């Protein structure tokens, strides 16, 4: 197996040797590449999917609705063959090229789990939701304070300057609202409220002392700085077609921002079509020395070597790679002395939503297709544990007006239908939850013992589900949001539990968590493996708990912090 005997010293090895290897090119992998390349490290980025180049590989970016054969929908035959991805947020005829078909990379579900993936250079940074609220100090301390998780090895103060570092480069719009539960960041101007939202925000502020409806913190360039212009990016045009790939670079992705920036240094090599087989561990050197890949086109096995390795394959694939990296020293997966690798996998709870009708404002509308939703910060279990559940939830919300009354017209063709479509319909309000879930040892992923993919890699087995805490948190959201809507004058309120399986939130986390104690965690406070310090894991796999805020900006900050620490340790000769 890899790592049992690594003493190769030939021309091929020299050609395949770099200072650093990054596994994955998505949101966190792109940041690892940028930071390492800027510090002068020759860096190889391995991506299992195809290459995607900004502008060049956005085939649907400027297409009109009538240019699509099925007007944006997918044929029934495709939906029947792909029941998983066709339910994913943002999936459609215009974005299908950035999603993985269900049969292209199967996995085993011991419990229902919807694993949404994007295998290409840029990964899911091309199809992410782009919400970027910061964690607060509550989220770092609550699991240990309230006894539903282990202690985080870092605090908000440790990560705050790195939040600023990545926000300034990525470009985040938002307002400085002074909220303890959702700290302010380095923001450019937000997308403003529409007329209905402005009034409802004031009503909520008047009715509740602990609830705040704010403009969304979003990775959209509303007012690009000189740094963004240097990246070749421009202002968001409010087209709301982001997941097609933005020709303006108006939203942050690895393809439009971090990877081209790294490329400019001359230190970056990107190798697409590279399924990572395992990390190579040298027992004589007592550290990882490289990565073995399988070329997806030739199915040839190739080894690459480096001083440090960043694992950013996306949470569950990172777990798969680490579990498959076995040697005499680590027979159960790299660094897995405590047997916890693949365990404590968690996600975020998106099951609850409410909506209703808003009276009035018939003479008002709004301009453009705003790409940022409004937010409400968590107000549960902050200063004390005051609920019958642990954790909390934030919410996304907004007001909108029907674009035409034609759907209510008895005629569906002809002049009267055209006239009806030209009349705006009524106003509506919605809110949906993003809830924290509890990391549990019984929520885990493992490797199949008898099923493999087309490259001979074992299939991932998922065993992840909801628990009673999730149900209580969901019930509280539905109750509180409905009461809130009623208090501010929303009519015809409807509650929904969509009963989504875990995974469709696309916020899977854990399996290789950070912690202070090597007995209960896999990574230290710098995202280094306790038992293999030249391997860093900085994507969702590293998460100790989920919190309630969207995690992607946190992954970016953790990655930048860890990459700069790795460079310092290399200079000191510690790695």
Protein backbone atom coordinates (compact mmCIF):
# COMPACT_ATOMS: atom_id res chain seq x y z
CA UNK A 1 0.00 0.00 0.00
CA UNK A 2 1.08 3.66 -0.36
CA UNK A 3 3.70 4.66 2.17
CA UNK A 4 5.09 1.20 2.94
CA UNK A 5 8.25 1.91 0.99
CA UNK A 6 8.89 5.29 -0.60
CA UNK A 7 12.50 5.67 -1.66
CA UNK A 8 12.11 6.62 -5.31
CA UNK A 9 14.73 8.98 -6.70
CA UNK A 10 14.55 9.28 -10.45
CA UNK A 11 13.80 11.82 -13.15
CA UNK A 12 10.07 11.18 -13.02
CA UNK A 13 10.03 11.88 -9.30
CA UNK A 14 11.85 15.17 -9.78
CA UNK A 15 9.39 16.24 -12.45
CA UNK A 16 6.48 15.36 -10.17
CA UNK A 17 7.79 17.16 -7.10
CA UNK A 18 6.34 20.43 -5.79
CA UNK A 19 6.55 22.45 -2.60
CA UNK A 20 2.85 21.97 -1.92
CA UNK A 21 -0.04 19.90 -3.22
CA UNK A 22 -3.66 21.02 -2.87
CA UNK A 23 -6.36 18.37 -3.30
CA UNK A 24 -9.40 20.13 -4.74
CA UNK A 25 -9.94 23.44 -6.52
CA UNK A 26 -13.17 24.68 -4.96
CA UNK A 27 -13.69 27.51 -2.48
CA UNK A 28 -11.10 26.37 0.08
CA UNK A 29 -8.70 24.76 -2.41
CA UNK A 30 -8.56 27.96 -4.43
CA UNK A 31 -7.66 29.91 -1.32
CA UNK A 32 -4.94 27.43 -0.38
CA UNK A 33 -3.46 27.78 -3.87
CA UNK A 34 -3.57 31.58 -3.75
CA UNK A 35 -1.88 31.91 -0.37
CA UNK A 36 0.79 29.27 -1.01
CA UNK A 37 1.65 30.59 -4.48
CA UNK A 38 1.85 34.17 -3.23
CA UNK A 39 4.45 33.02 -0.71
CA UNK A 40 6.55 31.51 -3.48
CA UNK A 41 5.67 27.83 -3.11
CA UNK A 42 5.46 25.80 -6.30
CA UNK A 43 1.97 24.43 -5.90
CA UNK A 44 0.11 21.62 -7.65
CA UNK A 45 -3.70 21.70 -7.53
CA UNK A 46 -5.36 18.34 -8.22
CA UNK A 47 -8.93 18.35 -9.50
CA UNK A 48 -10.87 15.19 -10.29
CA UNK A 49 -13.11 16.93 -12.85
CA UNK A 50 -12.56 18.80 -16.09
CA UNK A 51 -10.90 22.15 -16.51
CA UNK A 52 -13.03 25.29 -16.40
CA UNK A 53 -11.62 28.66 -17.43
CA UNK A 54 -13.30 31.93 -16.49
CA UNK A 55 -15.41 33.35 -19.35
CA UNK A 56 -14.37 30.66 -21.81
CA UNK A 57 -16.28 27.83 -20.16
CA UNK A 58 -19.58 29.50 -19.26
CA UNK A 59 -21.63 28.25 -22.24
CA UNK A 60 -25.02 29.50 -21.02
CA UNK A 61 -23.96 32.79 -19.38
CA UNK A 62 -25.60 35.10 -21.94
CA UNK A 63 -28.34 32.86 -23.31
CA UNK A 64 -31.94 34.03 -23.37
CA UNK A 65 -34.76 31.88 -21.94
CA UNK A 66 -35.97 31.06 -25.44
CA UNK A 67 -32.49 29.84 -26.44
CA UNK A 68 -32.89 26.72 -24.28
CA UNK A 69 -34.59 23.71 -25.88
CA UNK A 70 -36.79 23.18 -22.81
CA UNK A 71 -36.97 26.81 -21.57
CA UNK A 72 -34.71 26.02 -18.61
CA UNK A 73 -36.41 22.80 -17.53
CA UNK A 74 -34.92 19.33 -17.93
CA UNK A 75 -36.56 16.57 -20.01
CA UNK A 76 -38.56 14.03 -18.04
CA UNK A 77 -36.09 11.28 -19.02
CA UNK A 78 -33.23 13.27 -17.44
CA UNK A 79 -35.19 13.94 -14.24
CA UNK A 80 -36.11 10.28 -13.90
CA UNK A 81 -32.46 9.26 -14.37
CA UNK A 82 -31.23 11.96 -11.95
CA UNK A 83 -33.68 12.31 -9.05
CA UNK A 84 -30.89 13.61 -6.79
CA UNK A 85 -29.31 16.54 -8.60
CA UNK A 86 -32.53 17.72 -10.22
CA UNK A 87 -33.77 18.63 -6.73
CA UNK A 88 -30.63 20.65 -5.90
CA UNK A 89 -30.86 24.41 -5.42
CA UNK A 90 -29.96 26.22 -8.62
CA UNK A 91 -30.05 23.17 -10.87
CA UNK A 92 -31.63 23.60 -14.29
CA UNK A 93 -31.03 23.37 -18.00
CA UNK A 94 -28.84 26.48 -17.77
CA UNK A 95 -26.57 25.15 -14.97
CA UNK A 96 -26.55 21.37 -15.48
CA UNK A 97 -22.99 21.47 -16.85
CA UNK A 98 -21.69 22.32 -13.36
CA UNK A 99 -23.39 19.42 -11.55
CA UNK A 100 -22.48 15.73 -11.43
CA UNK A 101 -25.09 13.34 -12.80
CA UNK A 102 -26.32 10.80 -10.25
CA UNK A 103 -24.74 7.81 -11.97
CA UNK A 104 -21.36 9.44 -12.64
CA UNK A 105 -20.19 8.94 -9.05
CA UNK A 106 -22.52 6.66 -7.06
CA UNK A 107 -22.40 6.18 -3.32
CA UNK A 108 -24.16 3.97 -0.77
CA UNK A 109 -26.89 5.49 1.41
CA UNK A 110 -27.49 3.53 4.61
CA UNK A 111 -29.75 6.42 5.54
CA UNK A 112 -31.15 8.90 2.99
CA UNK A 113 -28.46 11.49 2.22
CA UNK A 114 -28.43 13.69 -0.87
CA UNK A 115 -24.81 14.32 -1.84
CA UNK A 116 -24.60 17.21 -4.32
CA UNK A 117 -21.25 17.56 -6.11
CA UNK A 118 -19.60 19.72 -8.76
CA UNK A 119 -16.54 18.08 -10.28
CA UNK A 120 -14.64 20.69 -12.27
CA UNK A 121 -11.92 23.25 -11.69
CA UNK A 122 -13.67 25.68 -9.37
CA UNK A 123 -15.79 22.92 -7.83
CA UNK A 124 -18.95 24.10 -6.12
CA UNK A 125 -17.66 27.69 -5.96
CA UNK A 126 -19.37 28.01 -9.34
CA UNK A 127 -22.76 26.97 -7.94
CA UNK A 128 -22.71 28.10 -4.30
CA UNK A 129 -25.34 30.32 -2.69
CA UNK A 130 -22.77 33.06 -1.85
CA UNK A 131 -24.13 33.97 1.62
CA UNK A 132 -21.21 35.13 3.80
CA UNK A 133 -22.20 35.96 7.40
CA UNK A 134 -19.49 35.63 10.03
CA UNK A 135 -19.70 33.28 12.98
CA UNK A 136 -19.88 35.00 16.35
CA UNK A 137 -18.14 34.08 19.59
CA UNK A 138 -21.33 32.26 20.61
CA UNK A 139 -20.86 29.56 17.97
CA UNK A 140 -17.27 28.84 19.01
CA UNK A 141 -18.18 28.40 22.68
CA UNK A 142 -21.73 26.98 22.71
CA UNK A 143 -20.95 23.28 22.02
CA UNK A 144 -18.64 23.02 25.01
CA UNK A 145 -20.68 25.40 27.21
CA UNK A 146 -23.92 23.51 26.66
CA UNK A 147 -22.39 20.04 26.47
CA UNK A 148 -23.33 18.96 22.94
CA UNK A 149 -19.84 18.95 21.43
CA UNK A 150 -16.14 19.28 22.09
CA UNK A 151 -14.35 22.58 22.58
CA UNK A 152 -13.20 24.48 19.51
CA UNK A 153 -9.40 24.96 19.56
CA UNK A 154 -9.78 28.53 18.25
CA UNK A 155 -11.89 31.54 19.19
CA UNK A 156 -13.61 34.25 17.19
CA UNK A 157 -10.68 36.57 17.96
CA UNK A 158 -8.29 34.06 16.35
CA UNK A 159 -10.21 33.97 13.08
CA UNK A 160 -11.51 37.56 12.88
CA UNK A 161 -8.45 39.04 11.10
CA UNK A 162 -8.58 36.19 8.58
CA UNK A 163 -12.25 36.88 7.95
CA UNK A 164 -11.18 40.42 7.07
CA UNK A 165 -8.37 39.12 4.89
CA UNK A 166 -10.65 37.01 2.72
CA UNK A 167 -13.60 39.43 2.71
CA UNK A 168 -11.48 42.22 1.25
CA UNK A 169 -10.16 39.99 -1.53
CA UNK A 170 -13.33 38.07 -2.34
CA UNK A 171 -15.60 41.09 -2.17
CA UNK A 172 -18.56 40.85 0.23
CA UNK A 173 -21.49 43.27 0.23
CA UNK A 174 -23.44 43.98 3.40
CA UNK A 175 -24.16 46.52 6.08
CA UNK A 176 -22.45 47.09 9.41
CA UNK A 177 -25.36 46.34 11.71
CA UNK A 178 -23.61 45.96 15.08
CA UNK A 179 -25.15 42.57 15.87
CA UNK A 180 -23.52 40.44 18.56
CA UNK A 181 -24.82 37.23 16.97
CA UNK A 182 -23.59 38.12 13.48
CA UNK A 183 -20.44 40.29 13.65
CA UNK A 184 -19.71 42.97 11.08
CA UNK A 185 -17.06 42.46 8.42
CA UNK A 186 -15.25 44.29 5.65
CA UNK A 187 -18.20 45.12 3.43
CA UNK A 188 -18.95 47.08 0.30
CA UNK A 189 -22.46 48.60 0.03
CA UNK A 190 -25.34 46.11 0.37
CA UNK A 191 -28.24 45.47 -1.94
CA UNK A 192 -30.92 47.68 -0.45
CA UNK A 193 -34.26 46.57 0.91
CA UNK A 194 -37.24 46.93 -1.38
CA UNK A 195 -40.15 49.07 -0.17
CA UNK A 196 -41.98 46.23 1.55
CA UNK A 197 -38.85 44.93 3.27
CA UNK A 198 -38.05 48.39 4.63
CA UNK A 199 -41.43 48.62 6.32
CA UNK A 200 -41.38 45.05 7.62
CA UNK A 201 -37.86 45.52 9.02
CA UNK A 202 -39.11 48.46 11.06
CA UNK A 203 -42.12 46.49 12.29
CA UNK A 204 -39.89 43.63 13.45
CA UNK A 205 -37.52 46.07 15.16
CA UNK A 206 -40.45 47.66 16.98
CA UNK A 207 -42.02 44.34 18.03
CA UNK A 208 -38.90 42.37 19.04
CA UNK A 209 -35.83 43.43 20.99
CA UNK A 210 -33.78 40.36 20.02
CA UNK A 211 -34.63 39.92 16.31
CA UNK A 212 -33.03 41.83 13.50
CA UNK A 213 -33.84 41.70 9.81
CA UNK A 214 -30.78 42.91 7.94
CA UNK A 215 -29.50 43.25 4.40
CA UNK A 216 -27.71 40.09 3.31
CA UNK A 217 -23.93 39.68 3.51
CA UNK A 218 -23.22 38.25 0.07
CA UNK A 219 -20.19 37.52 -2.15
CA UNK A 220 -21.31 39.99 -4.82
CA UNK A 221 -19.33 43.00 -6.05
CA UNK A 222 -21.66 45.96 -5.61
CA UNK A 223 -18.80 48.47 -5.62
CA UNK A 224 -15.56 46.83 -6.84
CA UNK A 225 -12.31 48.07 -5.37
CA UNK A 226 -8.97 48.41 -7.15
CA UNK A 227 -8.10 44.94 -5.85
CA UNK A 228 -11.11 43.44 -7.60
CA UNK A 229 -10.30 45.29 -10.83
CA UNK A 230 -6.80 43.79 -10.65
CA UNK A 231 -8.47 40.38 -10.52
CA UNK A 232 -10.28 41.24 -13.76
CA UNK A 233 -13.67 41.32 -12.08
CA UNK A 234 -16.50 43.80 -12.47
CA UNK A 235 -19.66 44.99 -10.77
CA UNK A 236 -22.57 42.61 -10.21
CA UNK A 237 -25.23 43.36 -12.82
CA UNK A 238 -28.12 41.97 -10.72
CA UNK A 239 -29.00 39.44 -13.40
CA UNK A 240 -29.42 36.64 -10.82
CA UNK A 241 -27.89 34.15 -13.26
CA UNK A 242 -24.86 33.50 -11.08
CA UNK A 243 -24.79 29.72 -11.24
CA UNK A 244 -24.35 29.76 -15.00
CA UNK A 245 -20.91 31.29 -14.42
CA UNK A 246 -20.69 35.08 -14.31
CA UNK A 247 -18.99 36.73 -17.32
CA UNK A 248 -18.56 39.90 -15.26
CA UNK A 249 -16.87 38.16 -12.33
CA UNK A 250 -19.54 39.80 -10.20
CA UNK A 251 -19.59 36.98 -7.65
CA UNK A 252 -16.64 35.24 -6.05
CA UNK A 253 -15.49 31.87 -7.36
CA UNK A 254 -12.15 30.09 -7.49
CA UNK A 255 -12.27 30.33 -11.28
CA UNK A 256 -12.80 34.10 -11.42
CA UNK A 257 -10.63 35.09 -8.46
CA UNK A 258 -8.19 32.97 -6.43
CA UNK A 259 -6.92 30.54 -9.09
CA UNK A 260 -6.16 33.19 -11.75
CA UNK A 261 -4.46 35.25 -9.03
CA UNK A 262 -2.33 32.26 -8.09
CA UNK A 263 -1.61 31.62 -11.77
CA UNK A 264 -0.12 35.11 -12.12
CA UNK A 265 2.64 34.21 -9.67
CA UNK A 266 4.02 31.58 -12.03
CA UNK A 267 3.94 29.08 -9.16
CA UNK A 268 0.68 27.29 -9.93
CA UNK A 269 0.10 24.05 -11.80
CA UNK A 270 -3.47 22.75 -12.16
CA UNK A 271 -4.01 19.13 -13.08
CA UNK A 272 -7.65 18.30 -13.91
CA UNK A 273 -8.97 14.77 -14.55
CA UNK A 274 -7.12 13.56 -11.42
CA UNK A 275 -8.98 11.37 -8.95
CA UNK A 276 -6.97 11.26 -5.73
CA UNK A 277 -6.36 7.67 -4.70
CA UNK A 278 -4.51 8.33 -1.43
CA UNK A 279 -1.97 10.39 0.43
CA UNK A 280 1.43 8.69 0.50
CA UNK A 281 2.88 8.29 4.00
CA UNK A 282 6.59 7.57 4.48
CA UNK A 283 7.08 5.68 7.73
CA UNK A 284 10.84 6.33 7.86
CA UNK A 285 10.31 10.08 7.61
CA UNK A 286 7.15 9.89 9.73
CA UNK A 287 5.26 12.25 7.47
CA UNK A 288 3.29 12.42 4.25
CA UNK A 289 5.44 12.77 1.17
CA UNK A 290 2.97 12.94 -1.69
CA UNK A 291 -0.32 12.07 -3.35
CA UNK A 292 -1.25 9.19 -5.62
CA UNK A 293 -3.78 9.98 -8.34
CA UNK A 294 -5.62 8.08 -11.02
CA UNK A 295 -5.88 9.84 -14.38
CA UNK A 296 -9.59 9.68 -15.20
CA UNK A 297 -8.94 9.41 -18.93
CA UNK A 298 -6.12 6.84 -19.01
CA UNK A 299 -6.78 5.23 -15.59
CA UNK A 300 -3.00 5.40 -15.08
CA UNK A 301 -1.75 5.73 -11.51
CA UNK A 302 0.71 8.60 -10.96
CA UNK A 303 2.50 9.78 -7.81
CA UNK A 304 3.23 13.44 -7.00
CA UNK A 305 5.44 14.57 -4.15
CA UNK A 306 5.56 17.63 -1.91
CA UNK A 307 6.56 19.00 1.48
CA UNK A 308 3.02 19.88 2.55
CA UNK A 309 -0.43 18.73 1.48
CA UNK A 310 -3.73 20.59 1.76
CA UNK A 311 -6.86 18.44 1.66
CA UNK A 312 -9.74 20.45 0.17
CA UNK A 313 -11.71 17.88 -1.81
CA UNK A 314 -15.02 18.96 -0.17
CA UNK A 315 -16.00 17.47 3.17
CA UNK A 316 -17.12 13.96 2.26
CA UNK A 317 -14.57 13.39 -0.48
CA UNK A 318 -11.84 14.59 1.88
CA UNK A 319 -13.00 11.95 4.35
CA UNK A 320 -12.94 9.37 1.56
CA UNK A 321 -9.36 10.26 0.59
CA UNK A 322 -8.12 10.18 4.20
CA UNK A 323 -9.89 6.90 4.99
CA UNK A 324 -8.35 5.36 1.87
CA UNK A 325 -4.84 6.58 2.76
CA UNK A 326 -3.75 3.49 4.68
CA UNK A 327 -0.30 2.22 5.60
CA UNK A 328 1.32 0.01 8.22
CA UNK A 329 1.42 3.08 10.49
CA UNK A 330 -2.19 4.07 9.78
CA UNK A 331 -4.17 0.94 8.89
CA UNK A 332 -7.52 2.72 9.44
CA UNK A 333 -6.82 5.91 7.50
CA UNK A 334 -4.26 8.70 7.69
CA UNK A 335 -3.87 10.07 11.20
CA UNK A 336 -6.72 7.93 12.47
CA UNK A 337 -5.26 6.59 15.72
CA UNK A 338 -8.41 7.39 17.69
CA UNK A 339 -10.79 5.77 15.18
CA UNK A 340 -12.83 8.96 14.77
CA UNK A 341 -12.04 9.68 11.12
CA UNK A 342 -15.31 9.82 9.19
CA UNK A 343 -17.38 10.27 12.37
CA UNK A 344 -19.24 13.30 13.72
CA UNK A 345 -20.43 14.23 10.24
CA UNK A 346 -23.09 16.92 10.37
CA UNK A 347 -25.01 19.31 8.14
CA UNK A 348 -27.41 22.26 8.35
CA UNK A 349 -31.15 21.98 8.75
CA UNK A 350 -33.12 23.65 5.94
CA UNK A 351 -36.44 21.91 6.45
CA UNK A 352 -38.61 24.79 7.66
CA UNK A 353 -40.11 27.72 5.76
CA UNK A 354 -43.08 30.09 6.01
CA UNK A 355 -44.69 32.49 3.57
CA UNK A 356 -47.65 34.80 3.34
CA UNK A 357 -49.26 37.73 1.57
CA UNK A 358 -48.59 41.44 2.09
CA UNK A 359 -51.37 43.98 1.65
CA UNK A 360 -50.83 47.29 -0.12
CA UNK A 361 -47.90 48.67 -2.12
CA UNK A 362 -49.81 48.20 -5.38
CA UNK A 363 -48.13 51.29 -6.83
CA UNK A 364 -44.60 50.04 -6.07
CA UNK A 365 -42.20 47.58 -7.66
CA UNK A 366 -38.44 47.05 -7.69
CA UNK A 367 -35.65 47.15 -10.25
CA UNK A 368 -33.32 44.32 -11.16
CA UNK A 369 -33.00 40.77 -9.93
CA UNK A 370 -31.27 41.19 -6.59
CA UNK A 371 -28.86 38.32 -5.94
CA UNK A 372 -28.79 38.76 -2.14
CA UNK A 373 -31.53 37.81 0.28
CA UNK A 374 -32.23 39.48 3.61
CA UNK A 375 -31.06 37.75 6.78
CA UNK A 376 -32.13 37.36 10.38
CA UNK A 377 -29.45 36.52 12.92
CA UNK A 378 -29.92 33.70 15.41
CA UNK A 379 -31.68 34.65 18.64
CA UNK A 380 -31.83 31.26 20.38
CA UNK A 381 -29.49 29.87 23.09
CA UNK A 382 -27.05 32.78 22.96
CA UNK A 383 -26.13 34.04 26.45
CA UNK A 384 -27.77 31.06 28.11
CA UNK A 385 -29.35 27.73 27.20
CA UNK A 386 -32.99 28.75 27.37
CA UNK A 387 -34.71 26.30 24.99
CA UNK A 388 -35.55 22.59 25.03
CA UNK A 389 -33.02 22.11 22.21
CA UNK A 390 -29.38 23.05 21.71
CA UNK A 391 -27.97 25.15 18.89
CA UNK A 392 -29.78 27.86 16.99
CA UNK A 393 -30.94 28.97 13.59
CA UNK A 394 -30.59 31.97 11.35
CA UNK A 395 -33.05 32.73 8.57
CA UNK A 396 -33.11 34.03 5.02
CA UNK A 397 -36.08 36.15 4.04
CA UNK A 398 -37.46 38.65 1.61
CA UNK A 399 -40.46 40.27 -0.05
CA UNK A 400 -41.33 39.94 -3.71
CA UNK A 401 -44.09 40.82 -6.12
CA UNK A 402 -45.59 38.61 -8.76
CA UNK A 403 -44.37 39.69 -12.17
CA UNK A 404 -47.72 39.17 -13.85
CA UNK A 405 -51.31 38.34 -13.03
CA UNK A 406 -51.55 36.04 -16.04
CA UNK A 407 -51.40 32.90 -13.94
CA UNK A 408 -54.84 33.82 -12.54
CA UNK A 409 -56.27 34.68 -15.98
CA UNK A 410 -58.91 32.24 -17.31
CA UNK A 411 -57.38 32.63 -20.77
CA UNK A 412 -53.88 31.23 -21.31
CA UNK A 413 -53.39 32.57 -24.81
CA UNK A 414 -54.32 35.66 -26.79
CA UNK A 415 -54.70 39.40 -26.18
CA UNK A 416 -56.49 39.18 -22.82
CA UNK A 417 -53.78 36.87 -21.48
CA UNK A 418 -51.11 39.32 -22.70
CA UNK A 419 -52.89 42.19 -20.95
CA UNK A 420 -53.14 40.18 -17.74
CA UNK A 421 -49.43 39.38 -17.85
CA UNK A 422 -48.61 43.08 -18.05
CA UNK A 423 -50.27 43.72 -14.69
CA UNK A 424 -48.19 43.08 -11.57
CA UNK A 425 -49.65 40.72 -9.01
CA UNK A 426 -49.61 40.93 -5.25
CA UNK A 427 -46.74 41.18 -2.77
CA UNK A 428 -45.54 38.19 -0.73
CA UNK A 429 -43.10 37.53 2.11
CA UNK A 430 -41.07 34.38 2.80
CA UNK A 431 -38.61 33.12 5.39
CA UNK A 432 -36.67 29.86 5.60
CA UNK A 433 -34.38 28.46 8.22
CA UNK A 434 -30.73 27.45 8.33
CA UNK A 435 -30.37 25.48 11.52
CA UNK A 436 -27.47 24.05 13.51
CA UNK A 437 -27.27 20.29 13.90
CA UNK A 438 -25.46 18.35 16.61
CA UNK A 439 -22.28 16.43 15.70
CA UNK A 440 -22.75 12.79 16.72
CA UNK A 441 -20.49 9.77 16.50
CA UNK A 442 -23.44 7.85 15.06
CA UNK A 443 -23.53 10.20 12.06
CA UNK A 444 -20.64 8.96 9.96
CA UNK A 445 -19.25 8.05 6.56
CA UNK A 446 -17.16 4.99 5.74
CA UNK A 447 -15.77 3.09 2.76
CA UNK A 448 -17.68 0.29 1.10
CA UNK A 449 -16.00 -3.06 1.48
CA UNK A 450 -17.27 -4.47 -1.82
CA UNK A 451 -18.44 -1.66 -4.11
CA UNK A 452 -16.06 0.48 -6.20
CA UNK A 453 -16.35 3.26 -8.75
CA UNK A 454 -15.09 3.27 -12.34
CA UNK A 455 -11.55 4.00 -11.15
CA UNK A 456 -11.45 1.19 -8.61
CA UNK A 457 -11.94 3.49 -5.61
CA UNK A 458 -14.29 2.25 -2.86
CA UNK A 459 -17.68 3.93 -2.80
CA UNK A 460 -18.47 6.20 0.11
CA UNK A 461 -21.13 4.94 2.51
CA UNK A 462 -23.24 7.61 4.25
CA UNK A 463 -25.01 7.01 7.55
CA UNK A 464 -26.29 10.46 8.53
CA UNK A 465 -29.72 11.43 9.81
CA UNK A 466 -31.86 13.84 11.82
CA UNK A 467 -32.48 13.51 15.55
CA UNK A 468 -34.96 14.76 18.15
CA UNK A 469 -32.99 17.99 18.60
CA UNK A 470 -33.45 18.78 14.92
CA UNK A 471 -37.20 18.26 15.20
CA UNK A 472 -37.49 20.56 18.23
CA UNK A 473 -35.43 23.27 16.55
CA UNK A 474 -37.57 22.98 13.41
CA UNK A 475 -40.79 23.24 15.42
CA UNK A 476 -39.53 26.36 17.18
CA UNK A 477 -38.61 28.03 13.90
CA UNK A 478 -42.02 27.32 12.37
CA UNK A 479 -43.81 28.59 15.48
CA UNK A 480 -41.72 31.71 15.93
CA UNK A 481 -41.60 32.73 12.26
CA UNK A 482 -45.37 32.31 11.89
CA UNK A 483 -46.04 34.36 15.01
CA UNK A 484 -43.60 36.99 13.80
CA UNK A 485 -45.32 37.21 10.42
CA UNK A 486 -48.70 37.51 12.12
CA UNK A 487 -47.45 40.30 14.40
CA UNK A 488 -46.15 42.38 11.48
CA UNK A 489 -49.30 42.02 9.46
CA UNK A 490 -48.57 39.20 7.01
CA UNK A 491 -51.78 37.49 5.85
CA UNK A 492 -52.57 33.93 4.74
CA UNK A 493 -49.50 32.48 6.47
CA UNK A 494 -48.39 28.99 5.45
CA UNK A 495 -45.88 26.72 7.22
CA UNK A 496 -43.85 24.05 5.46
CA UNK A 497 -41.67 21.16 6.53
CA UNK A 498 -40.12 20.02 3.25
CA UNK A 499 -38.78 16.79 4.85
CA UNK A 500 -35.54 17.10 2.88
CA UNK A 501 -33.00 14.38 3.46
CA UNK A 502 -29.72 15.63 4.93
CA UNK A 503 -27.26 16.70 2.27
CA UNK A 504 -29.50 18.72 0.01
CA UNK A 505 -28.42 21.73 2.07
CA UNK A 506 -24.96 21.17 0.47
CA UNK A 507 -23.41 22.17 3.82
CA UNK A 508 -22.06 18.80 4.92
CA UNK A 509 -19.31 19.11 7.54
CA UNK A 510 -17.11 17.13 9.89
CA UNK A 511 -15.48 13.71 9.86
CA UNK A 512 -11.99 15.13 10.42
CA UNK A 513 -12.68 17.68 13.09
CA UNK A 514 -10.47 20.23 14.80
CA UNK A 515 -9.92 20.05 18.55
CA UNK A 516 -7.50 20.54 21.42
CA UNK A 517 -7.21 16.87 22.37
CA UNK A 518 -5.80 14.27 19.91
CA UNK A 519 -7.97 11.68 21.65
CA UNK A 520 -11.18 13.37 20.50
CA UNK A 521 -10.14 15.15 17.28
CA UNK A 522 -8.01 14.72 14.16
CA UNK A 523 -6.75 18.29 13.62
CA UNK A 524 -5.11 20.92 15.81
CA UNK A 525 -5.85 24.65 15.94
CA UNK A 526 -3.92 25.21 12.68
CA UNK A 527 -5.89 22.52 10.81
CA UNK A 528 -2.86 20.20 10.90
CA UNK A 529 -3.40 16.51 11.48
CA UNK A 530 -2.29 15.73 15.03
CA UNK A 531 -0.48 12.60 13.84
CA UNK A 532 0.74 13.89 10.47
CA UNK A 533 1.49 17.62 10.82
CA UNK A 534 2.42 18.32 7.20
CA UNK A 535 -1.15 17.47 6.11
CA UNK A 536 -3.71 20.25 6.52
CA UNK A 537 -7.48 19.83 6.18
CA UNK A 538 -9.31 23.15 5.75
CA UNK A 539 -12.57 22.39 3.97
CA UNK A 540 -15.86 21.39 5.62
CA UNK A 541 -14.34 18.13 6.90
CA UNK A 542 -12.47 20.11 9.58
CA UNK A 543 -15.54 21.47 11.30
CA UNK A 544 -15.95 20.83 15.02
CA UNK A 545 -19.58 21.97 14.95
CA UNK A 546 -21.88 23.48 12.34
CA UNK A 547 -23.23 26.68 13.92
CA UNK A 548 -26.11 28.28 12.03
CA UNK A 549 -24.36 30.68 9.67
CA UNK A 550 -23.40 29.75 6.12
CA UNK A 551 -19.94 28.15 6.34
CA UNK A 552 -18.10 28.96 3.09
CA UNK A 553 -16.53 32.27 4.17
CA UNK A 554 -15.35 30.48 7.33
CA UNK A 555 -13.64 27.80 5.22
CA UNK A 556 -11.87 30.54 3.27
CA UNK A 557 -10.64 32.21 6.46
CA UNK A 558 -9.49 28.93 8.01
CA UNK A 559 -7.64 28.04 4.82
CA UNK A 560 -5.83 31.36 4.53
CA UNK A 561 -4.85 31.16 8.19
CA UNK A 562 -3.59 27.58 7.89
CA UNK A 563 -1.70 28.24 4.64
CA UNK A 564 0.19 31.16 6.15
CA UNK A 565 1.03 29.06 9.20
CA UNK A 566 2.28 26.27 6.92
CA UNK A 567 4.59 28.69 5.14
CA UNK A 568 5.99 29.90 8.47
CA UNK A 569 6.55 26.35 9.65
CA UNK A 570 8.29 25.44 6.40
CA UNK A 571 10.64 28.39 6.79
CA UNK A 572 11.47 27.21 10.33
CA UNK A 573 12.16 23.70 9.05
CA UNK A 574 9.38 22.21 11.15
CA UNK A 575 7.64 20.51 8.24
